[in-house]
PDB file of N, CA and C in Angstrom:
ATOM      1  N   UNK A   1       3.830  -9.208  10.481  1.00  0.00           N
ATOM      2  CA  UNK A   1       4.253  -9.582   9.177  1.00  0.00           C
ATOM      3  C   UNK A   1       4.041  -8.368   8.030  1.00  0.00           C
ATOM      4  N   UNK A   2       2.838  -7.500   8.411  1.00  0.00           N
ATOM      5  CA  UNK A   2       2.316  -6.286   7.621  1.00  0.00           C
ATOM      6  C   UNK A   2       4.457  -5.483   7.922  1.00  0.00           C
ATOM      7  N   UNK A   3       4.413  -5.274   9.120  1.00  0.00           N
ATOM      8  CA  UNK A   3       5.121  -4.247   9.273  1.00  0.00           C
ATOM      9  C   UNK A   3       6.485  -4.572   8.475  1.00  0.00           C
ATOM     10  N   UNK A   4       7.017  -6.006   8.350  1.00  0.00           N
ATOM     11  CA  UNK A   4       7.903  -6.247   7.959  1.00  0.00           C
ATOM     12  C   UNK A   4       8.259  -5.745   6.511  1.00  0.00           C
ATOM     13  N   UNK A   5       6.882  -5.636   5.326  1.00  0.00           N
ATOM     14  CA  UNK A   5       6.950  -5.441   4.291  1.00  0.00           C
ATOM     15  C   UNK A   5       7.006  -3.811   4.208  1.00  0.00           C
ATOM     16  N   UNK A   6       6.859  -2.855   5.252  1.00  0.00           N
ATOM     17  CA  UNK A   6       6.869  -1.613   4.670  1.00  0.00           C
ATOM     18  C   UNK A   6       7.731  -0.793   5.929  1.00  0.00           C
ATOM     19  N   UNK A   7       8.460  -1.783   6.039  1.00  0.00           N
ATOM     20  CA  UNK A   7       9.709  -1.319   7.429  1.00  0.00           C
ATOM     21  C   UNK A   7      10.472  -0.740   6.553  1.00  0.00           C
ATOM     22  N   UNK A   8      11.602  -0.027   6.437  1.00  0.00           N
ATOM     23  CA  UNK A   8      12.588   0.262   5.749  1.00  0.00           C
ATOM     24  C   UNK A   8      13.949  -0.105   6.427  1.00  0.00           C
ATOM     25  N   UNK A   9      14.439  -0.607   5.963  1.00  0.00           N
ATOM     26  CA  UNK A   9      15.883  -1.172   6.622  1.00  0.00           C
ATOM     27  C   UNK A   9      16.926  -0.034   6.291  1.00  0.00           C
ATOM     28  N   UNK A  10      17.400   0.055   7.372  1.00  0.00           N
ATOM     29  CA  UNK A  10      18.952   1.032   7.656  1.00  0.00           C
ATOM     30  C   UNK A  10      19.513   1.032   6.216  1.00  0.00           C
ATOM     31  N   UNK A  11      20.546   2.468   5.798  1.00  0.00           N
ATOM     32  CA  UNK A  11      21.056   2.339   4.263  1.00  0.00           C
ATOM     33  C   UNK A  11      22.037   1.419   4.583  1.00  0.00           C
ATOM     34  N   UNK A  12      22.826   0.731   3.808  1.00  0.00           N
ATOM     35  CA  UNK A  12      24.076   0.403   3.990  1.00  0.00           C
ATOM     36  C   UNK A  12      24.953   1.179   3.429  1.00  0.00           C
ATOM     37  N   UNK A  13      26.152   1.125   4.214  1.00  0.00           N
ATOM     38  CA  UNK A  13      27.299   2.230   3.796  1.00  0.00           C
ATOM     39  C   UNK A  13      28.443   0.737   2.808  1.00  0.00           C
ATOM     40  N   UNK A  14      28.697   1.066   1.842  1.00  0.00           N
ATOM     41  CA  UNK A  14      29.863   0.364   0.886  1.00  0.00           C
ATOM     42  C   UNK A  14      30.934   1.267   0.892  1.00  0.00           C
ATOM     43  N   UNK A  15      31.942   0.838   1.239  1.00  0.00           N
ATOM     44  CA  UNK A  15      33.089   1.415   1.075  1.00  0.00           C
ATOM     45  C   UNK A  15      33.347   2.672   1.304  1.00  0.00           C
ATOM     46  N   UNK A  16      32.176   3.574   2.380  1.00  0.00           N
ATOM     47  CA  UNK A  16      32.234   4.312   2.645  1.00  0.00           C
ATOM     48  C   UNK A  16      30.967   5.608   2.198  1.00  0.00           C
ATOM     49  N   UNK A  17      30.123   4.303   1.206  1.00  0.00           N
ATOM     50  CA  UNK A  17      29.225   5.684   0.392  1.00  0.00           C
ATOM     51  C   UNK A  17      28.070   5.156   0.675  1.00  0.00           C
ATOM     52  N   UNK A  18      27.238   5.926   0.687  1.00  0.00           N
ATOM     53  CA  UNK A  18      25.523   5.862   1.269  1.00  0.00           C
ATOM     54  C   UNK A  18      25.018   5.185   0.175  1.00  0.00           C
ATOM     55  N   UNK A  19      24.397   4.113  -0.051  1.00  0.00           N
ATOM     56  CA  UNK A  19      23.690   3.667  -1.241  1.00  0.00           C
ATOM     57  C   UNK A  19      22.293   3.921  -1.025  1.00  0.00           C
ATOM     58  N   UNK A  20      21.889   4.674  -1.827  1.00  0.00           N
ATOM     59  CA  UNK A  20      19.889   4.337  -1.266  1.00  0.00           C
ATOM     60  C   UNK A  20      19.719   3.049  -1.683  1.00  0.00           C
ATOM     61  N   UNK A  21      18.248   3.255  -1.009  1.00  0.00           N
ATOM     62  CA  UNK A  21      17.751   1.778  -1.574  1.00  0.00           C
ATOM     63  C   UNK A  21      17.290   1.709  -3.358  1.00  0.00           C
ATOM     64  N   UNK A  22      16.846   0.969  -3.555  1.00  0.00           N
ATOM     65  CA  UNK A  22      16.245   0.960  -4.868  1.00  0.00           C
ATOM     66  C   UNK A  22      15.009   1.393  -5.212  1.00  0.00           C
ATOM     67  N   UNK A  23      14.706   1.991  -6.510  1.00  0.00           N
ATOM     68  CA  UNK A  23      13.350   2.761  -6.518  1.00  0.00           C
ATOM     69  C   UNK A  23      12.731   2.627  -7.911  1.00  0.00           C
ATOM     70  N   UNK A  24      11.499   3.074  -8.377  1.00  0.00           N
ATOM     71  CA  UNK A  24      11.126   2.695  -9.674  1.00  0.00           C
ATOM     72  C   UNK A  24      11.821   3.886 -10.342  1.00  0.00           C
ATOM     73  N   UNK A  25      12.157   3.889 -11.810  1.00  0.00           N
ATOM     74  CA  UNK A  25      12.597   4.984 -12.622  1.00  0.00           C
ATOM     75  C   UNK A  25      11.595   4.858 -13.487  1.00  0.00           C
ATOM     76  N   UNK A  26      11.842   6.189 -14.281  1.00  0.00           N
ATOM     77  CA  UNK A  26      10.853   6.570 -15.246  1.00  0.00           C
ATOM     78  C   UNK A  26      10.749   5.378 -16.170  1.00  0.00           C
ATOM     79  N   UNK A  27      11.530   4.744 -16.499  1.00  0.00           N
ATOM     80  CA  UNK A  27      11.202   3.557 -17.710  1.00  0.00           C
ATOM     81  C   UNK A  27      10.584   2.198 -16.980  1.00  0.00           C
ATOM     82  N   UNK A  28      11.073   2.417 -15.534  1.00  0.00           N
ATOM     83  CA  UNK A  28       9.722   1.742 -14.759  1.00  0.00           C
ATOM     84  C   UNK A  28       8.594   1.208 -14.963  1.00  0.00           C
ATOM     85  N   UNK A  29       8.263   2.526 -14.887  1.00  0.00           N
ATOM     86  CA  UNK A  29       6.833   3.362 -14.540  1.00  0.00           C
ATOM     87  C   UNK A  29       6.368   3.475 -16.135  1.00  0.00           C
ATOM     88  N   UNK A  30       6.918   3.510 -17.158  1.00  0.00           N
ATOM     89  CA  UNK A  30       6.552   3.356 -18.745  1.00  0.00           C
ATOM     90  C   UNK A  30       6.733   2.060 -18.822  1.00  0.00           C
ATOM     91  N   UNK A  31       7.108   0.974 -18.266  1.00  0.00           N
ATOM     92  CA  UNK A  31       6.774  -0.270 -18.773  1.00  0.00           C
ATOM     93  C   UNK A  31       5.769  -0.789 -17.821  1.00  0.00           C
ATOM     94  N   UNK A  32       5.445  -0.638 -16.664  1.00  0.00           N
ATOM     95  CA  UNK A  32       3.809  -0.641 -16.002  1.00  0.00           C
ATOM     96  C   UNK A  32       2.786  -0.112 -16.735  1.00  0.00           C
ATOM     97  N   UNK A  33       3.048   0.787 -17.198  1.00  0.00           N
ATOM     98  CA  UNK A  33       1.930   1.476 -18.009  1.00  0.00           C
ATOM     99  C   UNK A  33       1.781   0.787 -19.196  1.00  0.00           C
ATOM    100  N   UNK A  34       2.838  -0.429 -19.789  1.00  0.00           N
ATOM    101  CA  UNK A  34       3.069  -0.811 -21.270  1.00  0.00           C
ATOM    102  C   UNK A  34       2.233  -2.159 -21.232  1.00  0.00           C
ATOM    103  N   UNK A  35       2.600  -2.542 -19.796  1.00  0.00           N
ATOM    104  CA  UNK A  35       2.201  -4.130 -19.463  1.00  0.00           C
ATOM    105  C   UNK A  35       0.952  -4.082 -18.453  1.00  0.00           C
ATOM    106  N   UNK A  36       0.365  -3.027 -17.964  1.00  0.00           N
ATOM    107  CA  UNK A  36      -0.858  -3.408 -17.263  1.00  0.00           C
ATOM    108  C   UNK A  36      -2.214  -2.446 -18.165  1.00  0.00           C
ATOM    109  N   UNK A  37      -1.676  -1.606 -18.388  1.00  0.00           N
ATOM    110  CA  UNK A  37      -2.316  -0.146 -19.337  1.00  0.00           C
ATOM    111  C   UNK A  37      -3.115  -0.433 -20.788  1.00  0.00           C
ATOM    112  N   UNK A  38      -2.212  -0.992 -21.307  1.00  0.00           N
ATOM    113  CA  UNK A  38      -2.720  -0.951 -22.641  1.00  0.00           C
ATOM    114  C   UNK A  38      -3.426  -2.138 -22.600  1.00  0.00           C
ATOM    115  N   UNK A  39      -3.061  -3.411 -22.431  1.00  0.00           N
ATOM    116  CA  UNK A  39      -3.778  -4.304 -22.244  1.00  0.00           C
ATOM    117  C   UNK A  39      -5.532  -4.367 -21.607  1.00  0.00           C
ATOM    118  N   UNK A  40      -5.335  -3.641 -20.424  1.00  0.00           N
ATOM    119  CA  UNK A  40      -6.436  -3.374 -19.774  1.00  0.00           C
ATOM    120  C   UNK A  40      -7.623  -2.449 -21.013  1.00  0.00           C
ATOM    121  N   UNK A  41      -6.836  -1.578 -21.672  1.00  0.00           N
ATOM    122  CA  UNK A  41      -7.537  -0.602 -22.206  1.00  0.00           C
ATOM    123  C   UNK A  41      -8.325  -1.605 -23.969  1.00  0.00           C
ATOM    124  N   UNK A  42      -7.036  -2.336 -24.563  1.00  0.00           N
ATOM    125  CA  UNK A  42      -7.569  -2.942 -25.274  1.00  0.00           C
ATOM    126  C   UNK A  42      -9.122  -4.171 -25.123  1.00  0.00           C
ATOM    127  N   UNK A  43      -8.556  -5.005 -23.798  1.00  0.00           N
ATOM    128  CA  UNK A  43     -10.214  -5.661 -23.124  1.00  0.00           C
ATOM    129  C   UNK A  43     -11.422  -4.731 -22.952  1.00  0.00           C
ATOM    130  N   UNK A  44     -11.001  -3.836 -22.397  1.00  0.00           N
ATOM    131  CA  UNK A  44     -11.899  -2.799 -22.441  1.00  0.00           C
ATOM    132  C   UNK A  44     -12.567  -2.640 -23.609  1.00  0.00           C
ATOM    133  N   UNK A  45     -12.099  -1.924 -24.833  1.00  0.00           N
ATOM    134  CA  UNK A  45     -12.877  -2.045 -26.099  1.00  0.00           C
ATOM    135  C   UNK A  45     -13.345  -3.166 -26.812  1.00  0.00           C
ATOM    136  N   UNK A  46     -12.979  -4.566 -26.623  1.00  0.00           N
ATOM    137  CA  UNK A  46     -13.052  -5.402 -27.335  1.00  0.00           C
ATOM    138  C   UNK A  46     -14.665  -5.746 -26.537  1.00  0.00           C
ATOM    139  N   UNK A  47     -14.452  -5.410 -24.908  1.00  0.00           N
ATOM    140  CA  UNK A  47     -15.968  -5.823 -24.384  1.00  0.00           C
ATOM    141  C   UNK A  47     -16.998  -4.559 -24.554  1.00  0.00           C
ATOM    142  N   UNK A  48     -16.716  -3.313 -24.749  1.00  0.00           N
ATOM    143  CA  UNK A  48     -17.369  -2.406 -25.251  1.00  0.00           C
ATOM    144  C   UNK A  48     -18.196  -2.706 -27.193  1.00  0.00           C
ATOM    145  N   UNK A  49     -17.466  -3.459 -27.721  1.00  0.00           N
ATOM    146  CA  UNK A  49     -17.852  -3.551 -29.139  1.00  0.00           C
ATOM    147  C   UNK A  49     -18.708  -4.655 -28.665  1.00  0.00           C
ATOM    148  N   UNK A  50     -18.558  -5.760 -27.765  1.00  0.00           N
ATOM    149  CA  UNK A  50     -18.853  -7.025 -28.003  1.00  0.00           C
ATOM    150  C   UNK A  50     -20.347  -6.547 -27.602  1.00  0.00           C
ATOM    151  N   UNK A  51     -20.536  -5.527 -26.095  1.00  0.00           N
ATOM    152  CA  UNK A  51     -22.075  -5.021 -25.718  1.00  0.00           C
ATOM    153  C   UNK A  51     -22.549  -3.958 -26.845  1.00  0.00           C
ATOM    154  N   UNK A  52     -21.741  -3.690 -28.006  1.00  0.00           N
ATOM    155  CA  UNK A  52     -22.420  -2.767 -28.964  1.00  0.00           C
ATOM    156  C   UNK A  52     -22.997  -3.480 -30.222  1.00  0.00           C
ATOM    157  N   UNK A  53     -22.272  -4.719 -30.511  1.00  0.00           N
ATOM    158  CA  UNK A  53     -22.733  -5.265 -31.553  1.00  0.00           C
ATOM    159  C   UNK A  53     -23.998  -6.077 -30.916  1.00  0.00           C
ATOM    160  N   UNK A  54     -24.126  -6.666 -29.614  1.00  0.00           N
ATOM    161  CA  UNK A  54     -25.089  -7.601 -29.153  1.00  0.00           C
ATOM    162  C   UNK A  54     -26.631  -6.664 -29.137  1.00  0.00           C
ATOM    163  N   UNK A  55     -26.256  -5.133 -28.169  1.00  0.00           N
ATOM    164  CA  UNK A  55     -27.454  -4.208 -27.822  1.00  0.00           C
ATOM    165  C   UNK A  55     -27.718  -3.470 -28.961  1.00  0.00           C
ATOM    166  N   UNK A  56     -27.010  -2.596 -29.849  1.00  0.00           N
ATOM    167  CA  UNK A  56     -26.891  -1.710 -30.353  1.00  0.00           C
ATOM    168  C   UNK A  56     -26.905  -0.588 -29.876  1.00  0.00           C
ATOM    169  N   UNK A  57     -26.475  -0.600 -28.544  1.00  0.00           N
ATOM    170  CA  UNK A  57     -25.660   0.634 -27.763  1.00  0.00           C
ATOM    171  C   UNK A  57     -24.678   0.793 -27.394  1.00  0.00           C
ATOM    172  N   UNK A  58     -23.875   1.932 -27.729  1.00  0.00           N
ATOM    173  CA  UNK A  58     -22.317   1.786 -27.293  1.00  0.00           C
ATOM    174  C   UNK A  58     -22.822   2.400 -25.871  1.00  0.00           C
ATOM    175  N   UNK A  59     -21.732   1.885 -25.047  1.00  0.00           N
ATOM    176  CA  UNK A  59     -21.904   2.130 -23.362  1.00  0.00           C
ATOM    177  C   UNK A  59     -20.286   2.942 -23.221  1.00  0.00           C
ATOM    178  N   UNK A  60     -19.602   2.726 -24.066  1.00  0.00           N
ATOM    179  CA  UNK A  60     -17.835   2.828 -23.534  1.00  0.00           C
ATOM    180  C   UNK A  60     -17.540   4.466 -24.101  1.00  0.00           C
ATOM    181  N   UNK A  61     -16.629   4.637 -23.190  1.00  0.00           N
ATOM    182  CA  UNK A  61     -15.943   6.033 -23.692  1.00  0.00           C
ATOM    183  C   UNK A  61     -15.633   6.664 -24.992  1.00  0.00           C
ATOM    184  N   UNK A  62     -15.053   5.360 -25.764  1.00  0.00           N
ATOM    185  CA  UNK A  62     -15.119   5.697 -27.523  1.00  0.00           C
ATOM    186  C   UNK A  62     -16.348   6.010 -28.140  1.00  0.00           C
ATOM    187  N   UNK A  63     -17.532   6.182 -27.668  1.00  0.00           N
ATOM    188  CA  UNK A  63     -18.652   6.760 -28.213  1.00  0.00           C
ATOM    189  C   UNK A  63     -18.864   8.045 -28.322  1.00  0.00           C
ATOM    190  N   UNK A  64     -18.164   8.643 -27.523  1.00  0.00           N
ATOM    191  CA  UNK A  64     -18.346   9.948 -27.087  1.00  0.00           C
ATOM    192  C   UNK A  64     -17.408  10.686 -28.394  1.00  0.00           C
ATOM    193  N   UNK A  65     -17.023  10.299 -29.211  1.00  0.00           N
ATOM    194  CA  UNK A  65     -16.113  10.633 -30.067  1.00  0.00           C
ATOM    195  C   UNK A  65     -16.805  10.705 -31.402  1.00  0.00           C
TER     196      UNK A  65
END
């Protein structure tokens, strides 16, 4: 079953042209960063703020600045 996901299918020829398989573009990588990275940074900042409020010590990266 795993081989099915990782095996590459033969390229199709459409009207004599060799069509490459789909791939992520620069905009796709940027959207992945925005949808996954920014919320993760926000949640980490909120958790750091909660720990700092409760214990009085900053535990995160933001304390270095």
